[in-house]
Protein backbone atom coordinates (compact mmCIF):
# COMPACT_ATOMS: atom_id res chain seq x y z
CA MET A 1 22.09 -10.13 56.73
CA PRO A 2 22.76 -6.70 57.61
CA LEU A 3 25.68 -4.75 55.90
CA ASP A 4 28.38 -3.73 58.13
CA ASN A 5 28.85 0.13 58.72
CA PRO A 6 32.00 1.61 59.68
CA PHE A 7 30.47 5.00 59.86
CA GLU A 8 27.94 3.86 62.43
CA LYS A 9 29.79 4.79 65.27
CA TYR A 10 29.92 8.43 64.16
CA GLY A 11 26.18 8.48 63.36
CA ILE A 12 26.43 8.26 59.63
CA LYS A 13 24.79 6.21 57.42
CA ARG A 14 26.36 3.60 55.01
CA VAL A 15 25.90 4.34 51.31
CA ILE A 16 25.52 1.49 48.81
CA ASN A 17 27.11 3.09 45.35
CA ALA A 18 25.21 1.82 42.39
CA ALA A 19 25.91 5.13 40.33
CA THR A 20 29.67 5.82 39.84
CA SER A 21 32.59 7.23 41.08
CA ILE A 22 31.25 10.04 42.66
CA THR A 23 33.57 12.32 44.40
CA THR A 24 31.15 13.19 47.16
CA LEU A 25 30.98 9.46 48.21
CA GLY A 26 34.57 9.18 48.08
CA GLY A 27 35.54 8.29 44.69
CA SER A 28 36.31 4.36 45.10
CA ILE A 29 37.56 1.84 47.52
CA PRO A 30 40.85 1.26 47.09
CA ASP A 31 42.71 -2.07 47.21
CA GLN A 32 44.12 -3.13 50.87
CA ARG A 33 47.63 -3.08 49.02
CA ILE A 34 47.20 0.67 48.58
CA PHE A 35 46.88 1.20 52.37
CA LYS A 36 49.72 -0.90 53.25
CA ALA A 37 52.02 1.01 50.85
CA MET A 38 50.52 4.56 52.45
CA ALA A 39 51.45 2.88 55.78
CA GLU A 40 54.70 2.37 55.08
CA ALA A 41 55.46 5.43 53.45
CA GLY A 42 54.03 7.03 56.90
CA LYS A 43 56.76 5.46 58.78
CA ALA A 44 59.70 7.96 57.75
CA PHE A 45 60.05 11.50 56.24
CA ALA A 46 61.25 11.76 52.42
CA SER A 47 61.82 14.83 50.29
CA ILE A 48 58.39 15.60 48.77
CA PRO A 49 59.93 17.02 45.28
CA GLU A 50 61.98 13.75 44.92
CA LEU A 51 59.04 11.90 45.57
CA GLN A 52 57.23 13.73 43.17
CA VAL A 53 59.59 13.15 40.32
CA TRP A 54 59.94 9.62 41.12
CA ALA A 55 56.14 9.35 40.89
CA GLY A 56 56.18 11.49 37.71
CA ASN A 57 58.38 8.72 36.21
CA GLU A 58 56.13 6.43 36.90
CA ILE A 59 53.13 8.11 35.47
CA ALA A 60 55.13 8.78 32.31
CA LYS A 61 56.04 4.89 31.75
CA ALA A 62 52.40 4.12 32.21
CA THR A 63 50.86 7.04 29.97
CA GLY A 64 53.82 7.17 27.35
CA ALA A 65 54.42 10.49 28.15
CA GLU A 66 57.92 12.72 28.47
CA ALA A 67 57.11 13.48 32.03
CA GLY A 68 54.53 13.11 34.67
CA LEU A 69 53.36 14.67 37.88
CA PRO A 70 51.21 13.51 41.06
CA VAL A 71 48.55 15.98 41.70
CA ALA A 72 45.86 16.27 44.13
CA SER A 73 42.98 15.69 41.57
CA ALA A 74 42.23 15.85 37.88
CA VAL A 75 41.28 19.62 38.56
CA CYS A 76 44.37 20.25 40.29
CA GLY A 77 46.24 18.75 37.20
CA LEU A 78 44.28 21.31 34.89
CA GLN A 79 45.12 24.26 37.13
CA LEU A 80 48.56 23.39 37.06
CA SER A 81 48.37 22.74 33.41
CA ALA A 82 46.67 26.13 32.80
CA ALA A 83 49.52 27.91 34.93
CA ALA A 84 52.34 25.74 33.46
CA CYS A 85 51.11 27.01 29.77
CA MET A 86 50.96 30.88 30.60
CA MET A 87 54.65 30.54 31.91
CA ARG A 88 55.56 29.67 28.78
CA GLY A 89 58.67 31.87 27.77
CA THR A 90 59.10 33.22 31.14
CA GLU A 91 62.21 33.47 33.57
CA LEU A 92 60.34 30.52 35.26
CA GLU A 93 61.91 28.15 32.40
CA LYS A 94 65.46 28.15 33.46
CA TYR A 95 64.63 26.79 37.09
CA LYS A 96 64.22 23.07 38.24
CA PRO A 97 62.21 21.73 41.06
CA LEU A 98 65.43 19.87 42.52
CA GLY A 99 68.47 21.84 43.85
CA MET A 100 67.43 25.01 42.78
CA LYS A 101 65.99 27.98 44.76
CA GLY A 102 64.48 31.48 44.23
CA TRP A 103 61.62 31.23 41.78
CA SER A 104 58.81 32.21 44.31
CA HIS A 105 58.51 35.69 42.90
CA ILE A 106 57.40 34.27 39.38
CA THR A 107 54.93 31.66 40.29
CA MET A 108 53.60 33.97 42.95
CA ARG A 109 52.57 36.04 40.27
CA LEU A 110 49.33 33.94 39.57
CA PRO A 111 46.31 33.94 39.32
CA LEU A 112 46.19 37.91 39.76
CA HIS A 113 49.09 39.45 38.38
CA THR A 114 49.45 38.39 34.77
CA GLU A 115 50.39 41.15 32.89
CA GLY A 116 52.74 40.37 29.81
CA LEU A 117 51.30 36.44 29.99
CA ARG A 118 49.40 34.80 27.61
CA THR A 119 45.99 34.05 29.58
CA GLU A 120 43.68 33.00 26.68
CA PHE A 121 42.32 29.38 26.37
CA ILE A 122 40.79 28.54 23.26
CA VAL A 123 37.55 26.17 23.96
CA GLN A 124 34.76 24.91 21.75
CA SER A 125 31.41 26.08 23.12
CA SER A 126 30.16 22.82 22.81
CA ASN A 127 32.94 21.38 24.71
CA ARG A 128 32.99 23.36 27.92
CA ASN A 129 32.14 21.30 31.24
CA SER A 130 31.84 22.11 35.11
CA TYR A 131 35.07 21.78 35.88
CA ASP A 132 37.16 23.99 33.36
CA TYR A 133 36.80 26.67 36.12
CA SER A 134 40.19 25.38 36.84
CA VAL A 135 41.68 27.52 34.29
CA GLU A 136 40.17 30.60 35.68
CA LEU A 137 41.69 29.44 39.26
CA ALA A 138 45.13 29.41 37.70
CA GLY A 139 44.39 32.95 36.27
CA GLY A 140 43.59 32.15 32.82
CA ARG A 141 40.39 33.20 30.89
CA PHE A 142 38.60 31.18 28.00
CA MET A 143 38.12 32.42 24.40
CA GLU A 144 34.85 30.48 23.83
CA VAL A 145 34.27 29.77 20.03
CA GLU A 146 32.02 28.19 17.77
CA PRO A 147 32.83 24.38 16.87
CA THR A 148 34.31 25.16 13.61
CA GLU A 149 38.05 25.11 12.03
CA GLU A 150 37.33 28.69 11.10
CA ALA A 151 36.65 29.87 14.41
CA LEU A 152 39.23 27.99 16.43
CA ILE A 153 41.97 29.17 13.88
CA ASP A 154 40.87 32.92 14.14
CA ALA A 155 40.86 32.75 17.88
CA TYR A 156 44.67 32.49 17.97
CA ASP A 157 46.52 35.18 18.97
CA GLN A 158 49.96 35.21 19.35
CA GLU A 159 50.23 37.67 22.00
CA LYS A 160 47.25 36.11 24.50
CA THR A 161 46.70 32.58 23.42
CA ALA A 162 48.47 30.24 26.08
CA ALA A 163 46.67 26.99 25.00
CA TYR A 164 43.79 25.08 23.56
CA TYR A 165 41.54 23.09 26.05
CA TYR A 166 39.79 19.98 25.36
CA THR A 167 37.48 18.08 27.40
CA ALA A 168 37.48 13.88 26.49
CA ARG A 169 34.05 13.20 26.42
CA ASN A 170 31.22 12.51 23.89
CA LEU A 171 29.81 16.14 23.40
CA LYS A 172 27.56 16.47 20.42
CA GLY A 173 29.02 18.88 17.78
CA SER A 174 32.72 19.34 19.00
CA LEU A 175 35.28 18.89 16.51
CA PRO A 176 37.62 15.98 17.67
CA LEU A 177 40.82 16.31 19.47
CA GLU A 178 42.91 15.38 16.36
CA LYS A 179 41.39 18.27 14.65
CA VAL A 180 42.05 20.73 17.48
CA ILE A 181 45.40 19.45 17.70
CA GLU A 182 46.35 19.77 13.99
CA ILE A 183 45.19 23.48 14.34
CA ALA A 184 46.96 24.04 17.44
CA LYS A 185 50.33 22.53 16.10
CA VAL A 186 50.44 25.33 13.20
CA ASN A 187 51.19 27.94 15.81
CA ASN A 188 53.08 26.02 18.58
CA VAL A 189 50.33 26.11 20.98
CA PRO A 190 49.67 23.59 23.69
CA VAL A 191 46.61 21.38 23.80
CA ILE A 192 45.66 20.36 27.02
CA VAL A 193 42.88 17.73 27.70
CA ASP A 194 40.66 16.98 30.52
CA ALA A 195 40.65 13.14 30.98
CA ALA A 196 39.45 12.84 34.34
CA ALA A 197 36.86 9.99 34.00
CA GLU A 198 38.16 8.47 30.64
CA ILE A 199 39.31 5.14 32.02
CA PRO A 200 38.79 2.29 31.50
CA PRO A 201 40.22 0.82 29.34
CA ARG A 202 43.32 0.78 30.33
CA ARG A 203 44.55 1.73 26.77
CA LYS A 204 43.23 5.34 27.41
CA LEU A 205 46.06 5.98 29.53
CA ARG A 206 48.43 6.52 26.22
CA MET A 207 45.50 7.34 23.73
CA TYR A 208 45.82 10.96 24.36
CA MET A 209 49.50 11.41 24.17
CA ASP A 210 49.66 8.93 21.18
CA LYS A 211 47.27 11.62 19.33
CA GLY A 212 49.61 14.60 20.06
CA ALA A 213 48.12 16.29 23.33
CA ASP A 214 50.74 18.22 25.32
CA LEU A 215 49.13 17.61 29.13
CA VAL A 216 46.52 15.35 29.96
CA SER A 217 44.90 15.29 33.42
CA TYR A 218 43.29 12.15 34.90
CA SER A 219 41.84 11.61 38.08
CA GLY A 220 43.60 8.93 40.67
CA GLY A 221 40.23 8.42 42.69
CA LYS A 222 37.82 7.22 40.16
CA HIS A 223 38.34 4.08 38.04
CA LEU A 224 42.01 3.92 39.03
CA ALA A 225 40.97 3.47 42.76
CA GLY A 226 43.58 5.07 44.34
CA PRO A 227 43.21 7.89 47.04
CA ASN A 228 40.36 10.15 46.33
CA ASN A 229 42.54 12.87 46.72
CA SER A 230 44.95 12.26 44.05
CA GLY A 231 45.26 12.38 40.08
CA LEU A 232 47.86 11.94 37.28
CA LEU A 233 49.30 14.82 35.04
CA ALA A 234 51.16 13.59 32.03
CA GLY A 235 52.78 15.32 29.20
CA ARG A 236 55.71 17.30 27.61
CA ALA A 237 58.67 17.49 30.00
CA ASP A 238 59.01 21.39 29.56
CA LEU A 239 55.45 21.83 30.62
CA ILE A 240 55.46 19.31 33.24
CA LYS A 241 58.53 20.82 35.05
CA LEU A 242 56.59 24.30 34.56
CA ALA A 243 53.39 22.56 36.88
CA HIS A 244 55.68 21.22 38.98
CA LEU A 245 57.32 24.39 39.97
CA GLN A 246 53.59 25.69 40.57
CA SER A 247 52.75 22.93 42.58
CA TYR A 248 52.86 21.61 46.33
CA PRO A 249 55.55 22.24 48.37
CA PHE A 250 56.47 25.20 46.13
CA ASN A 251 54.80 28.59 46.41
CA GLY A 252 52.56 28.49 43.43
CA VAL A 253 48.89 28.10 42.59
CA GLY A 254 49.12 24.45 43.51
CA ARG A 255 50.25 25.26 46.92
CA ALA A 256 46.98 24.56 48.63
CA SER A 257 46.68 21.33 46.98
CA LYS A 258 48.79 19.19 49.25
CA MET A 259 49.56 15.57 48.75
CA SER A 260 51.00 13.61 51.69
CA ARG A 261 53.86 11.31 51.01
CA GLU A 262 51.59 8.88 51.85
CA THR A 263 49.20 9.72 49.22
CA ILE A 264 51.77 10.03 46.58
CA VAL A 265 53.06 6.33 46.99
CA GLY A 266 49.40 5.12 47.21
CA LEU A 267 48.70 6.69 44.14
CA VAL A 268 51.57 4.97 42.24
CA GLU A 269 50.72 1.76 43.98
CA ALA A 270 47.24 2.09 42.52
CA LEU A 271 48.61 2.54 39.17
CA TRP A 272 50.69 -0.40 39.03
CA ILE A 273 47.63 -2.66 40.52
CA PHE A 274 45.61 -0.94 37.64
CA LEU A 275 48.31 -1.66 34.80
CA SER A 276 48.03 -5.34 35.91
CA HIS A 277 44.39 -6.06 36.62
CA ASP A 278 42.30 -8.34 34.43
CA GLU A 279 40.13 -5.87 32.66
CA GLU A 280 38.40 -8.61 30.94
CA GLY A 281 37.36 -10.72 34.16
CA ALA A 282 36.14 -7.57 35.86
CA PHE A 283 34.15 -6.57 32.69
CA ASN A 284 32.31 -10.01 32.79
CA ARG A 285 31.59 -9.94 36.58
CA TYR A 286 29.75 -6.13 35.80
CA VAL A 287 28.02 -7.62 33.32
CA LYS A 288 26.63 -10.49 35.46
CA TRP A 289 25.44 -8.15 38.09
CA ALA A 290 23.80 -5.94 35.46
CA GLU A 291 21.76 -8.79 34.25
CA TYR A 292 20.92 -9.74 37.85
CA PHE A 293 19.11 -6.33 38.24
CA ARG A 294 17.72 -6.63 34.70
CA ASP A 295 16.10 -9.95 35.63
CA GLU A 296 14.93 -9.46 39.13
CA LEU A 297 13.46 -6.07 38.34
CA SER A 298 11.58 -6.74 35.06
CA LYS A 299 9.40 -8.81 37.28
CA GLU A 300 7.98 -5.96 38.71
CA ARG A 301 4.56 -4.33 37.15
CA GLY A 302 5.07 -1.12 35.32
CA VAL A 303 9.16 -1.67 35.11
CA SER A 304 11.10 -2.26 31.91
CA THR A 305 14.65 -2.97 32.08
CA GLU A 306 17.58 -3.25 29.32
CA ILE A 307 21.40 -3.56 29.46
CA VAL A 308 23.47 -0.60 28.42
CA TYR A 309 26.96 0.20 28.25
CA GLN A 310 29.09 3.22 28.08
CA ARG A 311 31.17 3.52 25.15
CA VAL A 312 34.65 4.31 24.40
CA VAL A 313 33.84 7.71 22.16
CA GLU A 314 36.63 7.03 19.83
CA ASP A 315 35.56 3.35 18.34
CA GLY A 316 32.47 2.10 20.23
CA GLU A 317 34.20 -0.46 22.29
CA PRO A 318 31.65 -1.51 24.92
CA MET A 319 32.57 -0.66 28.44
CA ALA A 320 30.67 0.02 32.07
CA PRO A 321 27.55 -2.47 31.70
CA PHE A 322 24.54 -0.65 33.39
CA CYS A 323 21.00 -1.80 33.91
CA ALA A 324 18.67 0.68 33.00
CA LEU A 325 15.04 0.92 34.23
CA SER A 326 12.30 2.80 32.71
CA LEU A 327 8.92 3.24 34.71
CA ASP A 328 5.27 3.20 33.70
CA GLU A 329 4.00 5.70 36.29
CA SER A 330 0.42 5.13 35.54
CA VAL A 331 1.18 1.62 37.15
CA THR A 332 3.99 1.99 39.41
CA GLY A 333 2.20 5.22 40.99
CA VAL A 334 6.12 6.54 41.49
CA THR A 335 8.23 8.71 39.04
CA GLY A 336 11.71 8.11 38.57
CA LYS A 337 12.76 10.89 40.43
CA GLU A 338 10.54 10.00 43.30
CA LEU A 339 12.31 6.54 43.45
CA VAL A 340 15.66 8.00 43.45
CA THR A 341 14.84 10.35 46.23
CA ARG A 342 13.40 7.35 48.18
CA LEU A 343 16.37 5.27 47.69
CA LYS A 344 18.20 7.72 49.50
CA GLU A 345 16.20 7.40 52.72
CA GLY A 346 16.59 4.79 55.37
CA ASP A 347 19.33 2.89 56.35
CA PRO A 348 21.56 2.12 54.02
CA VAL A 349 21.37 4.82 51.33
CA VAL A 350 21.45 3.95 48.01
CA TYR A 351 23.05 6.30 45.18
CA VAL A 352 21.98 5.60 41.51
CA LEU A 353 22.37 7.22 38.22
CA TYR A 354 19.47 9.44 37.08
CA GLU A 355 20.30 11.58 34.07
CA PRO A 356 18.30 15.04 35.34
CA GLU A 357 20.63 14.41 38.55
CA PHE A 358 23.94 12.96 37.45
CA LEU A 359 25.32 14.11 33.93
CA LEU A 360 27.07 11.15 33.79
CA GLY A 361 24.34 8.68 33.25
CA PRO A 362 24.01 7.05 29.85
CA CYS A 363 20.42 6.85 29.53
CA PRO A 364 18.43 10.47 29.56
CA GLY A 365 15.17 10.08 31.66
CA LYS A 366 15.99 6.50 32.91
CA ILE A 367 17.41 5.20 36.06
CA THR A 368 20.54 3.39 35.68
CA LEU A 369 22.26 1.01 38.17
CA ASN A 370 25.96 0.64 37.86
CA PRO A 371 27.73 -2.70 39.56
CA GLN A 372 31.03 -1.28 39.11
CA TYR A 373 31.43 0.34 42.53
CA MET A 374 29.09 -2.13 44.29
CA LEU A 375 30.49 -4.58 47.13
CA GLU A 376 29.66 -7.88 48.23
CA GLY A 377 26.18 -8.58 49.64
CA GLU A 378 24.69 -5.18 48.13
CA HIS A 379 23.31 -6.17 45.12
CA PRO A 380 20.55 -8.04 46.77
CA ARG A 381 19.78 -4.94 49.29
CA VAL A 382 19.35 -2.55 46.08
CA VAL A 383 16.68 -4.97 44.25
CA GLU A 384 14.86 -5.33 47.88
CA LYS A 385 14.80 -1.78 48.52
CA ILE A 386 13.75 -0.69 45.07
CA LYS A 387 10.87 -3.55 45.07
CA ARG A 388 9.66 -2.56 48.63
CA ILE A 389 9.35 1.09 47.39
CA LEU A 390 7.37 0.08 44.24
CA GLU A 391 5.39 -2.38 45.93
CA SER A 392 4.22 0.37 48.69
């Protein structure tokens, strides 16, 4: 049975996402209730700052933070976090987003006019990632140090240090978040956590705040399955306020990263759905489909398969089951890279995880199939396409 392609009338191929919540594919597939809520929000006007405060309160409840802010992406959240930390101790602290005016001359200093501001963000060399440029977009710069306690302590400068920056992913050789927070608290320096793709499980929404982080940025368009152009920023109330003053609709560094009233409402609706959905049931469904891939593709000559899991870094709890493929090129006559390339040919296009191409892949050198973002009827089509390529 052919798969429906809503993009066919535009001359665009449908993509089967057997990879992950890739931004270039649109993130995730939101629940229809989210679109309904967005449509309702589009029927009238509302004060965007008031709507942001309401949404921020819902984010705070979900994350256990003092305050929250809806943002246009996790990267936008990191940019606003950096701006907030640089503005600590300035005149901006006396202003509020609601019912006050006249602070634009302060926020518009960033990113270029940073004289007299703390602009350095201390980060471990092993903890860098391709999204941390968001700090520089706000006007900050990194003080990169070796991943040792001594280096993190010595890097602090009372006149220059704005915050410590931490990426919440399993990067070998990095000191744990708890140690970074411990070092930062000695000098009352905030800690920013990039947790863009750190859910599921649901409990990780609260975990970083519980550890003592000051600002945590999550994607709203990945596993949360909200609008692709959305994110959650949670943290200390004083820092969230400074971030809000820098954001849309005001004239700060976040002005260009607009969220419509529909998107803000859709993000909160997605958050409510995420907080109530059956995590165990969803996990079991993903395991079933991963096993289907394993059983079907292991029948092919030169192909070995196994079930692998991404794991919660902190305690090893299994999550996100994948089917990993290894090819014996002398038998299959095709390399892993060639298979990945050919899966993107034809219609529909199939995206899979492959470590040389996607850094999120759990198995270096192997192709992995992730059922988490696949839709009804797509699983057999992926198996058929892989078999057709191998048998040809």
